[in-house]
């Protein structure tokens, strides 16, 4: 298990949801962002979320403030993030996951 996998208490090749219905876990979310070379704004879900209503599209909102609100409102975090031994990636569009897989799924 890689260090990032240990940090999540999971096998590093697992694909799993990070955020639960009750919010998220700050260190793990920060680790995902760092591993995927993203800042919170880059992972902000702008549509079909309360981002506009919360004023989060204003470029004056800091990364720290965005992170706090993302933890309160998990719907604001675009996903999925995938963690494998090859790295961490924000997989939108979903086909980008293939870069992290050793074998392609059949079909």
PDB file of N, CA and C in Angstrom:
ATOM      1  N   UNK A   1       0.853  -1.172   0.000  1.00  0.00           N
ATOM      2  CA  UNK A   1       0.000   0.000   0.000  1.00  0.00           C
ATOM      3  C   UNK A   1       0.899   1.236   0.000  1.00  0.00           C
ATOM      4  N   UNK A   2       0.620   2.190  -0.866  1.00  0.00           N
ATOM      5  CA  UNK A   2       1.424   3.407  -0.921  1.00  0.00           C
ATOM      6  C   UNK A   2       1.099   4.313   0.253  1.00  0.00           C
ATOM      7  N   UNK A   3       1.928   5.334   0.454  1.00  0.00           N
ATOM      8  CA  UNK A   3       1.671   6.252   1.568  1.00  0.00           C
ATOM      9  C   UNK A   3       0.331   6.944   1.415  1.00  0.00           C
ATOM     10  N   UNK A   4      -0.059   7.276   0.193  1.00  0.00           N
ATOM     11  CA  UNK A   4      -1.368   7.911   0.019  1.00  0.00           C
ATOM     12  C   UNK A   4      -2.472   6.912   0.348  1.00  0.00           C
ATOM     13  N   UNK A   5      -2.289   5.655  -0.008  1.00  0.00           N
ATOM     14  CA  UNK A   5      -3.279   4.638   0.341  1.00  0.00           C
ATOM     15  C   UNK A   5      -3.394   4.464   1.841  1.00  0.00           C
ATOM     16  N   UNK A   6      -2.240   4.462   2.533  1.00  0.00           N
ATOM     17  CA  UNK A   6      -2.269   4.358   3.993  1.00  0.00           C
ATOM     18  C   UNK A   6      -2.985   5.553   4.600  1.00  0.00           C
ATOM     19  N   UNK A   7      -2.792   6.725   4.019  1.00  0.00           N
ATOM     20  CA  UNK A   7      -3.443   7.924   4.524  1.00  0.00           C
ATOM     21  C   UNK A   7      -4.956   7.831   4.474  1.00  0.00           C
ATOM     22  N   UNK A   8      -5.451   7.056   3.549  1.00  0.00           N
ATOM     23  CA  UNK A   8      -6.892   6.884   3.423  1.00  0.00           C
ATOM     24  C   UNK A   8      -7.354   5.571   4.033  1.00  0.00           C
ATOM     25  N   UNK A   9      -6.418   4.809   4.616  1.00  0.00           N
ATOM     26  CA  UNK A   9      -6.741   3.511   5.195  1.00  0.00           C
ATOM     27  C   UNK A   9      -7.385   2.602   4.156  1.00  0.00           C
ATOM     28  N   UNK A  10      -6.864   2.648   2.950  1.00  0.00           N
ATOM     29  CA  UNK A  10      -7.382   1.851   1.840  1.00  0.00           C
ATOM     30  C   UNK A  10      -6.203   1.357   1.005  1.00  0.00           C
ATOM     31  N   UNK A  11      -6.451   0.294   0.266  1.00  0.00           N
ATOM     32  CA  UNK A  11      -5.477  -0.137  -0.718  1.00  0.00           C
ATOM     33  C   UNK A  11      -5.360   0.982  -1.747  1.00  0.00           C
ATOM     34  N   UNK A  12      -4.165   1.312  -2.153  1.00  0.00           N
ATOM     35  CA  UNK A  12      -3.962   2.479  -3.006  1.00  0.00           C
ATOM     36  C   UNK A  12      -4.609   2.357  -4.376  1.00  0.00           C
ATOM     37  N   UNK A  13      -5.003   1.164  -4.795  1.00  0.00           N
ATOM     38  CA  UNK A  13      -5.641   1.048  -6.098  1.00  0.00           C
ATOM     39  C   UNK A  13      -7.162   1.053  -6.006  1.00  0.00           C
ATOM     40  N   UNK A  14      -7.694   1.303  -4.829  1.00  0.00           N
ATOM     41  CA  UNK A  14      -9.144   1.343  -4.670  1.00  0.00           C
ATOM     42  C   UNK A  14      -9.719   2.607  -5.285  1.00  0.00           C
ATOM     43  N   UNK A  15     -10.911   2.465  -5.831  1.00  0.00           N
ATOM     44  CA  UNK A  15     -11.685   3.616  -6.265  1.00  0.00           C
ATOM     45  C   UNK A  15     -12.832   3.717  -5.285  1.00  0.00           C
ATOM     46  N   UNK A  16     -12.951   4.835  -4.618  1.00  0.00           N
ATOM     47  CA  UNK A  16     -13.945   4.942  -3.556  1.00  0.00           C
ATOM     48  C   UNK A  16     -14.363   6.395  -3.388  1.00  0.00           C
ATOM     49  N   UNK A  17     -15.531   6.616  -2.826  1.00  0.00           N
ATOM     50  CA  UNK A  17     -15.950   8.000  -2.585  1.00  0.00           C
ATOM     51  C   UNK A  17     -15.236   8.558  -1.364  1.00  0.00           C
ATOM     52  N   UNK A  18     -14.745   9.762  -1.462  1.00  0.00           N
ATOM     53  CA  UNK A  18     -14.078  10.399  -0.322  1.00  0.00           C
ATOM     54  C   UNK A  18     -15.082  11.051   0.603  1.00  0.00           C
ATOM     55  N   UNK A  19     -16.031  11.714   0.011  1.00  0.00           N
ATOM     56  CA  UNK A  19     -16.924  12.535   0.813  1.00  0.00           C
ATOM     57  C   UNK A  19     -18.179  11.768   1.178  1.00  0.00           C
ATOM     58  N   UNK A  20     -18.519  11.803   2.443  1.00  0.00           N
ATOM     59  CA  UNK A  20     -19.737  11.147   2.900  1.00  0.00           C
ATOM     60  C   UNK A  20     -20.864  12.155   2.934  1.00  0.00           C
ATOM     61  N   UNK A  21     -22.032  11.696   3.281  1.00  0.00           N
ATOM     62  CA  UNK A  21     -23.184  12.592   3.370  1.00  0.00           C
ATOM     63  C   UNK A  21     -22.998  13.647   4.450  1.00  0.00           C
ATOM     64  N   UNK A  22     -22.116  13.393   5.400  1.00  0.00           N
ATOM     65  CA  UNK A  22     -21.924  14.334   6.503  1.00  0.00           C
ATOM     66  C   UNK A  22     -20.757  15.284   6.276  1.00  0.00           C
ATOM     67  N   UNK A  23     -20.172  15.265   5.123  1.00  0.00           N
ATOM     68  CA  UNK A  23     -19.054  16.169   4.849  1.00  0.00           C
ATOM     69  C   UNK A  23     -17.828  15.392   4.449  1.00  0.00           C
ATOM     70  N   UNK A  24     -16.683  15.942   4.675  1.00  0.00           N
ATOM     71  CA  UNK A  24     -15.456  15.285   4.269  1.00  0.00           C
ATOM     72  C   UNK A  24     -14.417  15.384   5.350  1.00  0.00           C
ATOM     73  N   UNK A  25     -13.238  14.964   5.014  1.00  0.00           N
ATOM     74  CA  UNK A  25     -12.134  14.987   5.961  1.00  0.00           C
ATOM     75  C   UNK A  25     -11.054  15.864   5.346  1.00  0.00           C
ATOM     76  N   UNK A  26     -10.786  16.973   5.991  1.00  0.00           N
ATOM     77  CA  UNK A  26      -9.898  18.007   5.461  1.00  0.00           C
ATOM     78  C   UNK A  26      -8.529  17.484   5.007  1.00  0.00           C
ATOM     79  N   UNK A  27      -7.775  16.756   5.838  1.00  0.00           N
ATOM     80  CA  UNK A  27      -6.442  16.317   5.383  1.00  0.00           C
ATOM     81  C   UNK A  27      -6.500  15.432   4.140  1.00  0.00           C
ATOM     82  N   UNK A  28      -7.491  14.559   4.064  1.00  0.00           N
ATOM     83  CA  UNK A  28      -7.598  13.685   2.904  1.00  0.00           C
ATOM     84  C   UNK A  28      -7.972  14.472   1.652  1.00  0.00           C
ATOM     85  N   UNK A  29      -8.878  15.430   1.808  1.00  0.00           N
ATOM     86  CA  UNK A  29      -9.255  16.247   0.658  1.00  0.00           C
ATOM     87  C   UNK A  29      -8.056  17.069   0.181  1.00  0.00           C
ATOM     88  N   UNK A  30      -7.306  17.627   1.111  1.00  0.00           N
ATOM     89  CA  UNK A  30      -6.088  18.358   0.744  1.00  0.00           C
ATOM     90  C   UNK A  30      -5.083  17.441   0.050  1.00  0.00           C
ATOM     91  N   UNK A  31      -4.968  16.199   0.528  1.00  0.00           N
ATOM     92  CA  UNK A  31      -4.048  15.234  -0.098  1.00  0.00           C
ATOM     93  C   UNK A  31      -4.488  14.914  -1.521  1.00  0.00           C
ATOM     94  N   UNK A  32      -5.795  14.776  -1.731  1.00  0.00           N
ATOM     95  CA  UNK A  32      -6.288  14.526  -3.089  1.00  0.00           C
ATOM     96  C   UNK A  32      -5.974  15.709  -4.000  1.00  0.00           C
ATOM     97  N   UNK A  33      -6.261  16.909  -3.528  1.00  0.00           N
ATOM     98  CA  UNK A  33      -5.978  18.090  -4.341  1.00  0.00           C
ATOM     99  C   UNK A  33      -4.490  18.168  -4.666  1.00  0.00           C
ATOM    100  N   UNK A  34      -3.645  17.980  -3.662  1.00  0.00           N
ATOM    101  CA  UNK A  34      -2.197  18.056  -3.880  1.00  0.00           C
ATOM    102  C   UNK A  34      -1.730  16.961  -4.834  1.00  0.00           C
ATOM    103  N   UNK A  35      -2.213  15.736  -4.624  1.00  0.00           N
ATOM    104  CA  UNK A  35      -1.808  14.619  -5.475  1.00  0.00           C
ATOM    105  C   UNK A  35      -2.235  14.786  -6.919  1.00  0.00           C
ATOM    106  N   UNK A  36      -3.357  15.464  -7.134  1.00  0.00           N
ATOM    107  CA  UNK A  36      -3.865  15.695  -8.485  1.00  0.00           C
ATOM    108  C   UNK A  36      -3.406  17.050  -9.032  1.00  0.00           C
ATOM    109  N   UNK A  37      -2.542  17.742  -8.284  1.00  0.00           N
ATOM    110  CA  UNK A  37      -2.039  19.070  -8.662  1.00  0.00           C
ATOM    111  C   UNK A  37      -3.176  20.061  -8.918  1.00  0.00           C
ATOM    112  N   UNK A  38      -4.144  20.051  -8.013  1.00  0.00           N
ATOM    113  CA  UNK A  38      -5.292  20.956  -8.119  1.00  0.00           C
ATOM    114  C   UNK A  38      -5.355  21.877  -6.917  1.00  0.00           C
ATOM    115  N   UNK A  39      -5.879  23.046  -7.134  1.00  0.00           N
ATOM    116  CA  UNK A  39      -6.241  23.936  -6.042  1.00  0.00           C
ATOM    117  C   UNK A  39      -7.745  23.787  -5.850  1.00  0.00           C
ATOM    118  N   UNK A  40      -8.271  24.124  -4.684  1.00  0.00           N
ATOM    119  CA  UNK A  40      -9.710  23.956  -4.450  1.00  0.00           C
ATOM    120  C   UNK A  40     -10.584  24.574  -5.541  1.00  0.00           C
ATOM    121  N   UNK A  41     -10.235  25.752  -6.034  1.00  0.00           N
ATOM    122  CA  UNK A  41     -11.061  26.384  -7.072  1.00  0.00           C
ATOM    123  C   UNK A  41     -11.149  25.516  -8.328  1.00  0.00           C
ATOM    124  N   UNK A  42     -10.076  24.808  -8.645  1.00  0.00           N
ATOM    125  CA  UNK A  42     -10.060  23.966  -9.843  1.00  0.00           C
ATOM    126  C   UNK A  42     -10.985  22.763  -9.702  1.00  0.00           C
ATOM    127  N   UNK A  43     -11.304  22.382  -8.474  1.00  0.00           N
ATOM    128  CA  UNK A  43     -12.182  21.236  -8.228  1.00  0.00           C
ATOM    129  C   UNK A  43     -13.587  21.675  -7.812  1.00  0.00           C
ATOM    130  N   UNK A  44     -13.867  22.964  -7.888  1.00  0.00           N
ATOM    131  CA  UNK A  44     -15.167  23.483  -7.481  1.00  0.00           C
ATOM    132  C   UNK A  44     -16.229  23.147  -8.514  1.00  0.00           C
ATOM    133  N   UNK A  45     -17.282  22.528  -8.058  1.00  0.00           N
ATOM    134  CA  UNK A  45     -18.418  22.228  -8.934  1.00  0.00           C
ATOM    135  C   UNK A  45     -19.256  23.495  -9.031  1.00  0.00           C
ATOM    136  N   UNK A  46     -19.292  24.089 -10.203  1.00  0.00           N
ATOM    137  CA  UNK A  46     -19.957  25.375 -10.379  1.00  0.00           C
ATOM    138  C   UNK A  46     -21.418  25.241 -10.773  1.00  0.00           C
ATOM    139  N   UNK A  47     -21.781  24.147 -11.423  1.00  0.00           N
ATOM    140  CA  UNK A  47     -23.171  23.962 -11.840  1.00  0.00           C
ATOM    141  C   UNK A  47     -23.810  22.871 -10.997  1.00  0.00           C
ATOM    142  N   UNK A  48     -25.127  22.913 -10.910  1.00  0.00           N
ATOM    143  CA  UNK A  48     -25.883  21.923 -10.128  1.00  0.00           C
ATOM    144  C   UNK A  48     -25.357  21.827  -8.700  1.00  0.00           C
ATOM    145  N   UNK A  49     -24.971  22.982  -8.166  1.00  0.00           N
ATOM    146  CA  UNK A  49     -24.476  23.072  -6.794  1.00  0.00           C
ATOM    147  C   UNK A  49     -24.825  24.468  -6.280  1.00  0.00           C
ATOM    148  N   UNK A  50     -24.665  24.697  -4.985  1.00  0.00           N
ATOM    149  CA  UNK A  50     -24.954  26.031  -4.444  1.00  0.00           C
ATOM    150  C   UNK A  50     -23.804  27.031  -4.606  1.00  0.00           C
ATOM    151  N   UNK A  51     -22.866  26.786  -5.512  1.00  0.00           N
ATOM    152  CA  UNK A  51     -21.698  27.663  -5.658  1.00  0.00           C
ATOM    153  C   UNK A  51     -22.086  29.112  -5.937  1.00  0.00           C
ATOM    154  N   UNK A  52     -23.033  29.322  -6.842  1.00  0.00           N
ATOM    155  CA  UNK A  52     -23.446  30.686  -7.179  1.00  0.00           C
ATOM    156  C   UNK A  52     -24.110  31.342  -5.978  1.00  0.00           C
ATOM    157  N   UNK A  53     -25.053  30.622  -5.363  1.00  0.00           N
ATOM    158  CA  UNK A  53     -25.787  31.174  -4.226  1.00  0.00           C
ATOM    159  C   UNK A  53     -24.864  31.523  -3.059  1.00  0.00           C
ATOM    160  N   UNK A  54     -23.799  30.766  -2.899  1.00  0.00           N
ATOM    161  CA  UNK A  54     -22.853  31.006  -1.806  1.00  0.00           C
ATOM    162  C   UNK A  54     -21.779  32.036  -2.164  1.00  0.00           C
ATOM    163  N   UNK A  55     -21.826  32.554  -3.390  1.00  0.00           N
ATOM    164  CA  UNK A  55     -20.858  33.566  -3.813  1.00  0.00           C
ATOM    165  C   UNK A  55     -19.466  33.024  -4.066  1.00  0.00           C
ATOM    166  N   UNK A  56     -19.359  31.733  -4.355  1.00  0.00           N
ATOM    167  CA  UNK A  56     -18.040  31.105  -4.481  1.00  0.00           C
ATOM    168  C   UNK A  56     -17.371  31.326  -5.833  1.00  0.00           C
ATOM    169  N   UNK A  57     -18.112  31.848  -6.804  1.00  0.00           N
ATOM    170  CA  UNK A  57     -17.507  32.094  -8.111  1.00  0.00           C
ATOM    171  C   UNK A  57     -16.710  33.398  -8.129  1.00  0.00           C
ATOM    172  N   UNK A  58     -16.848  34.200  -7.100  1.00  0.00           N
ATOM    173  CA  UNK A  58     -16.070  35.432  -6.953  1.00  0.00           C
ATOM    174  C   UNK A  58     -14.604  35.049  -6.777  1.00  0.00           C
ATOM    175  N   UNK A  59     -13.747  35.572  -7.635  1.00  0.00           N
ATOM    176  CA  UNK A  59     -12.324  35.209  -7.586  1.00  0.00           C
ATOM    177  C   UNK A  59     -11.634  35.692  -6.313  1.00  0.00           C
ATOM    178  N   UNK A  60     -12.310  36.526  -5.527  1.00  0.00           N
ATOM    179  CA  UNK A  60     -11.745  36.985  -4.266  1.00  0.00           C
ATOM    180  C   UNK A  60     -11.865  35.973  -3.144  1.00  0.00           C
ATOM    181  N   UNK A  61     -12.636  34.914  -3.361  1.00  0.00           N
ATOM    182  CA  UNK A  61     -12.787  33.867  -2.343  1.00  0.00           C
ATOM    183  C   UNK A  61     -11.494  33.052  -2.312  1.00  0.00           C
ATOM    184  N   UNK A  62     -10.896  32.949  -1.144  1.00  0.00           N
ATOM    185  CA  UNK A  62      -9.608  32.256  -1.015  1.00  0.00           C
ATOM    186  C   UNK A  62      -9.771  30.742  -1.108  1.00  0.00           C
ATOM    187  N   UNK A  63      -8.671  30.067  -1.392  1.00  0.00           N
ATOM    188  CA  UNK A  63      -8.678  28.600  -1.412  1.00  0.00           C
ATOM    189  C   UNK A  63      -9.088  28.046  -0.053  1.00  0.00           C
ATOM    190  N   UNK A  64      -8.603  28.669   1.002  1.00  0.00           N
ATOM    191  CA  UNK A  64      -8.933  28.211   2.361  1.00  0.00           C
ATOM    192  C   UNK A  64     -10.435  28.315   2.615  1.00  0.00           C
ATOM    193  N   UNK A  65     -11.033  29.430   2.204  1.00  0.00           N
ATOM    194  CA  UNK A  65     -12.481  29.607   2.377  1.00  0.00           C
ATOM    195  C   UNK A  65     -13.251  28.603   1.522  1.00  0.00           C
ATOM    196  N   UNK A  66     -12.789  28.381   0.290  1.00  0.00           N
ATOM    197  CA  UNK A  66     -13.435  27.387  -0.574  1.00  0.00           C
ATOM    198  C   UNK A  66     -13.381  26.007   0.065  1.00  0.00           C
ATOM    199  N   UNK A  67     -12.235  25.648   0.595  1.00  0.00           N
ATOM    200  CA  UNK A  67     -12.077  24.344   1.225  1.00  0.00           C
ATOM    201  C   UNK A  67     -13.047  24.189   2.395  1.00  0.00           C
ATOM    202  N   UNK A  68     -13.155  25.222   3.219  1.00  0.00           N
ATOM    203  CA  UNK A  68     -14.083  25.171   4.354  1.00  0.00           C
ATOM    204  C   UNK A  68     -15.514  24.920   3.891  1.00  0.00           C
ATOM    205  N   UNK A  69     -15.934  25.630   2.850  1.00  0.00           N
ATOM    206  CA  UNK A  69     -17.308  25.482   2.361  1.00  0.00           C
ATOM    207  C   UNK A  69     -17.489  24.125   1.679  1.00  0.00           C
ATOM    208  N   UNK A  70     -16.461  23.642   0.975  1.00  0.00           N
ATOM    209  CA  UNK A  70     -16.541  22.320   0.341  1.00  0.00           C
ATOM    210  C   UNK A  70     -16.757  21.230   1.390  1.00  0.00           C
ATOM    211  N   UNK A  71     -16.126  21.379   2.533  1.00  0.00           N
ATOM    212  CA  UNK A  71     -16.285  20.385   3.588  1.00  0.00           C
ATOM    213  C   UNK A  71     -17.682  20.441   4.197  1.00  0.00           C
ATOM    214  N   UNK A  72     -18.276  21.608   4.212  1.00  0.00           N
ATOM    215  CA  UNK A  72     -19.649  21.745   4.708  1.00  0.00           C
ATOM    216  C   UNK A  72     -20.671  21.281   3.682  1.00  0.00           C
ATOM    217  N   UNK A  73     -20.354  21.467   2.392  1.00  0.00           N
ATOM    218  CA  UNK A  73     -21.266  21.138   1.290  1.00  0.00           C
ATOM    219  C   UNK A  73     -20.522  20.262   0.276  1.00  0.00           C
ATOM    220  N   UNK A  74     -20.424  18.958   0.507  1.00  0.00           N
ATOM    221  CA  UNK A  74     -19.653  18.072  -0.380  1.00  0.00           C
ATOM    222  C   UNK A  74     -20.075  18.129  -1.846  1.00  0.00           C
ATOM    223  N   UNK A  75     -21.304  18.536  -2.119  1.00  0.00           N
ATOM    224  CA  UNK A  75     -21.754  18.634  -3.508  1.00  0.00           C
ATOM    225  C   UNK A  75     -20.901  19.634  -4.297  1.00  0.00           C
ATOM    226  N   UNK A  76     -20.200  20.511  -3.600  1.00  0.00           N
ATOM    227  CA  UNK A  76     -19.358  21.511  -4.255  1.00  0.00           C
ATOM    228  C   UNK A  76     -18.066  20.928  -4.819  1.00  0.00           C
ATOM    229  N   UNK A  77     -17.705  19.724  -4.416  1.00  0.00           N
ATOM    230  CA  UNK A  77     -16.463  19.112  -4.893  1.00  0.00           C
ATOM    231  C   UNK A  77     -16.774  18.273  -6.121  1.00  0.00           C
ATOM    232  N   UNK A  78     -16.212  18.698  -7.256  1.00  0.00           N
ATOM    233  CA  UNK A  78     -16.341  17.900  -8.463  1.00  0.00           C
ATOM    234  C   UNK A  78     -15.613  16.590  -8.240  1.00  0.00           C
ATOM    235  N   UNK A  79     -16.117  15.517  -8.729  1.00  0.00           N
ATOM    236  CA  UNK A  79     -15.500  14.222  -8.566  1.00  0.00           C
ATOM    237  C   UNK A  79     -15.828  13.362  -9.773  1.00  0.00           C
ATOM    238  N   UNK A  80     -15.248  12.246  -9.949  1.00  0.00           N
ATOM    239  CA  UNK A  80     -14.496  11.436  -8.988  1.00  0.00           C
ATOM    240  C   UNK A  80     -12.998  11.713  -9.021  1.00  0.00           C
ATOM    241  N   UNK A  81     -12.381  11.481  -7.873  1.00  0.00           N
ATOM    242  CA  UNK A  81     -10.935  11.402  -7.765  1.00  0.00           C
ATOM    243  C   UNK A  81     -10.609   9.915  -7.719  1.00  0.00           C
ATOM    244  N   UNK A  82      -9.567   9.529  -8.406  1.00  0.00           N
ATOM    245  CA  UNK A  82      -9.148   8.128  -8.427  1.00  0.00           C
ATOM    246  C   UNK A  82      -7.707   8.065  -7.932  1.00  0.00           C
ATOM    247  N   UNK A  83      -7.445   7.108  -7.038  1.00  0.00           N
ATOM    248  CA  UNK A  83      -6.115   6.913  -6.467  1.00  0.00           C
ATOM    249  C   UNK A  83      -5.641   5.518  -6.845  1.00  0.00           C
ATOM    250  N   UNK A  84      -4.495   5.437  -7.518  1.00  0.00           N
ATOM    251  CA  UNK A  84      -3.884   4.155  -7.865  1.00  0.00           C
ATOM    252  C   UNK A  84      -2.381   4.286  -7.618  1.00  0.00           C
ATOM    253  N   UNK A  85      -1.633   3.189  -7.736  1.00  0.00           N
ATOM    254  CA  UNK A  85      -0.174   3.301  -7.610  1.00  0.00           C
ATOM    255  C   UNK A  85       0.434   4.255  -8.640  1.00  0.00           C
ATOM    256  N   UNK A  86      -0.281   4.517  -9.736  1.00  0.00           N
ATOM    257  CA  UNK A  86       0.218   5.433 -10.761  1.00  0.00           C
ATOM    258  C   UNK A  86      -0.045   6.896 -10.425  1.00  0.00           C
ATOM    259  N   UNK A  87      -0.797   7.140  -9.377  1.00  0.00           N
ATOM    260  CA  UNK A  87      -1.031   8.520  -8.979  1.00  0.00           C
ATOM    261  C   UNK A  87      -2.479   8.807  -8.622  1.00  0.00           C
ATOM    262  N   UNK A  88      -2.745  10.084  -8.481  1.00  0.00           N
ATOM    263  CA  UNK A  88      -4.073  10.582  -8.132  1.00  0.00           C
ATOM    264  C   UNK A  88      -4.526  11.469  -9.276  1.00  0.00           C
ATOM    265  N   UNK A  89      -5.777  11.306  -9.651  1.00  0.00           N
ATOM    266  CA  UNK A  89      -6.278  12.106 -10.758  1.00  0.00           C
ATOM    267  C   UNK A  89      -7.736  12.450 -10.536  1.00  0.00           C
ATOM    268  N   UNK A  90      -8.091  13.664 -10.902  1.00  0.00           N
ATOM    269  CA  UNK A  90      -9.487  14.069 -10.969  1.00  0.00           C
ATOM    270  C   UNK A  90      -9.964  13.585 -12.328  1.00  0.00           C
ATOM    271  N   UNK A  91     -10.879  12.638 -12.345  1.00  0.00           N
ATOM    272  CA  UNK A  91     -11.234  11.943 -13.584  1.00  0.00           C
ATOM    273  C   UNK A  91     -12.508  12.482 -14.229  1.00  0.00           C
ATOM    274  N   UNK A  92     -12.415  13.690 -14.732  1.00  0.00           N
ATOM    275  CA  UNK A  92     -13.456  14.285 -15.568  1.00  0.00           C
ATOM    276  C   UNK A  92     -12.780  14.706 -16.851  1.00  0.00           C
ATOM    277  N   UNK A  93     -13.178  14.240 -17.989  1.00  0.00           N
ATOM    278  CA  UNK A  93     -14.194  13.224 -18.231  1.00  0.00           C
ATOM    279  C   UNK A  93     -13.727  11.857 -17.735  1.00  0.00           C
ATOM    280  N   UNK A  94     -14.662  10.964 -17.578  1.00  0.00           N
ATOM    281  CA  UNK A  94     -14.387   9.668 -16.952  1.00  0.00           C
ATOM    282  C   UNK A  94     -13.309   8.860 -17.676  1.00  0.00           C
ATOM    283  N   UNK A  95     -13.132   9.085 -18.961  1.00  0.00           N
ATOM    284  CA  UNK A  95     -12.132   8.327 -19.723  1.00  0.00           C
ATOM    285  C   UNK A  95     -10.709   8.602 -19.243  1.00  0.00           C
ATOM    286  N   UNK A  96     -10.495   9.693 -18.522  1.00  0.00           N
ATOM    287  CA  UNK A  96      -9.143   9.990 -18.042  1.00  0.00           C
ATOM    288  C   UNK A  96      -8.651   8.973 -17.022  1.00  0.00           C
ATOM    289  N   UNK A  97      -9.562   8.168 -16.472  1.00  0.00           N
ATOM    290  CA  UNK A  97      -9.160   7.132 -15.517  1.00  0.00           C
ATOM    291  C   UNK A  97      -8.247   6.097 -16.176  1.00  0.00           C
ATOM    292  N   UNK A  98      -8.365   5.916 -17.480  1.00  0.00           N
ATOM    293  CA  UNK A  98      -7.569   4.901 -18.162  1.00  0.00           C
ATOM    294  C   UNK A  98      -6.072   5.142 -17.996  1.00  0.00           C
ATOM    295  N   UNK A  99      -5.655   6.389 -17.833  1.00  0.00           N
ATOM    296  CA  UNK A  99      -4.235   6.697 -17.624  1.00  0.00           C
ATOM    297  C   UNK A  99      -3.709   6.110 -16.320  1.00  0.00           C
ATOM    298  N   UNK A 100      -4.602   5.829 -15.379  1.00  0.00           N
ATOM    299  CA  UNK A 100      -4.197   5.333 -14.060  1.00  0.00           C
ATOM    300  C   UNK A 100      -4.340   3.819 -13.913  1.00  0.00           C
ATOM    301  N   UNK A 101      -4.837   3.163 -14.931  1.00  0.00           N
ATOM    302  CA  UNK A 101      -5.088   1.724 -14.840  1.00  0.00           C
ATOM    303  C   UNK A 101      -3.992   0.930 -15.525  1.00  0.00           C
ATOM    304  N   UNK A 102      -3.630  -0.210 -14.929  1.00  0.00           N
ATOM    305  CA  UNK A 102      -2.663  -1.107 -15.559  1.00  0.00           C
ATOM    306  C   UNK A 102      -3.296  -1.895 -16.693  1.00  0.00           C
ATOM    307  N   UNK A 103      -4.568  -2.224 -16.509  1.00  0.00           N
ATOM    308  CA  UNK A 103      -5.299  -2.976 -17.530  1.00  0.00           C
ATOM    309  C   UNK A 103      -6.594  -2.243 -17.828  1.00  0.00           C
ATOM    310  N   UNK A 104      -6.956  -2.215 -19.083  1.00  0.00           N
ATOM    311  CA  UNK A 104      -8.232  -1.610 -19.450  1.00  0.00           C
ATOM    312  C   UNK A 104      -9.357  -2.601 -19.190  1.00  0.00           C
ATOM    313  N   UNK A 105     -10.521  -2.111 -18.789  1.00  0.00           N
ATOM    314  CA  UNK A 105     -11.646  -3.026 -18.582  1.00  0.00           C
ATOM    315  C   UNK A 105     -12.079  -3.633 -19.911  1.00  0.00           C
ATOM    316  N   UNK A 106     -12.634  -4.859 -19.879  1.00  0.00           N
ATOM    317  CA  UNK A 106     -13.084  -5.484 -21.126  1.00  0.00           C
ATOM    318  C   UNK A 106     -14.215  -4.685 -21.759  1.00  0.00           C
ATOM    319  N   UNK A 107     -14.251  -4.721 -23.079  1.00  0.00           N
ATOM    320  CA  UNK A 107     -15.351  -4.075 -23.804  1.00  0.00           C
ATOM    321  C   UNK A 107     -14.937  -2.782 -24.285  1.00  0.00           C
TER     322      UNK A 107
END
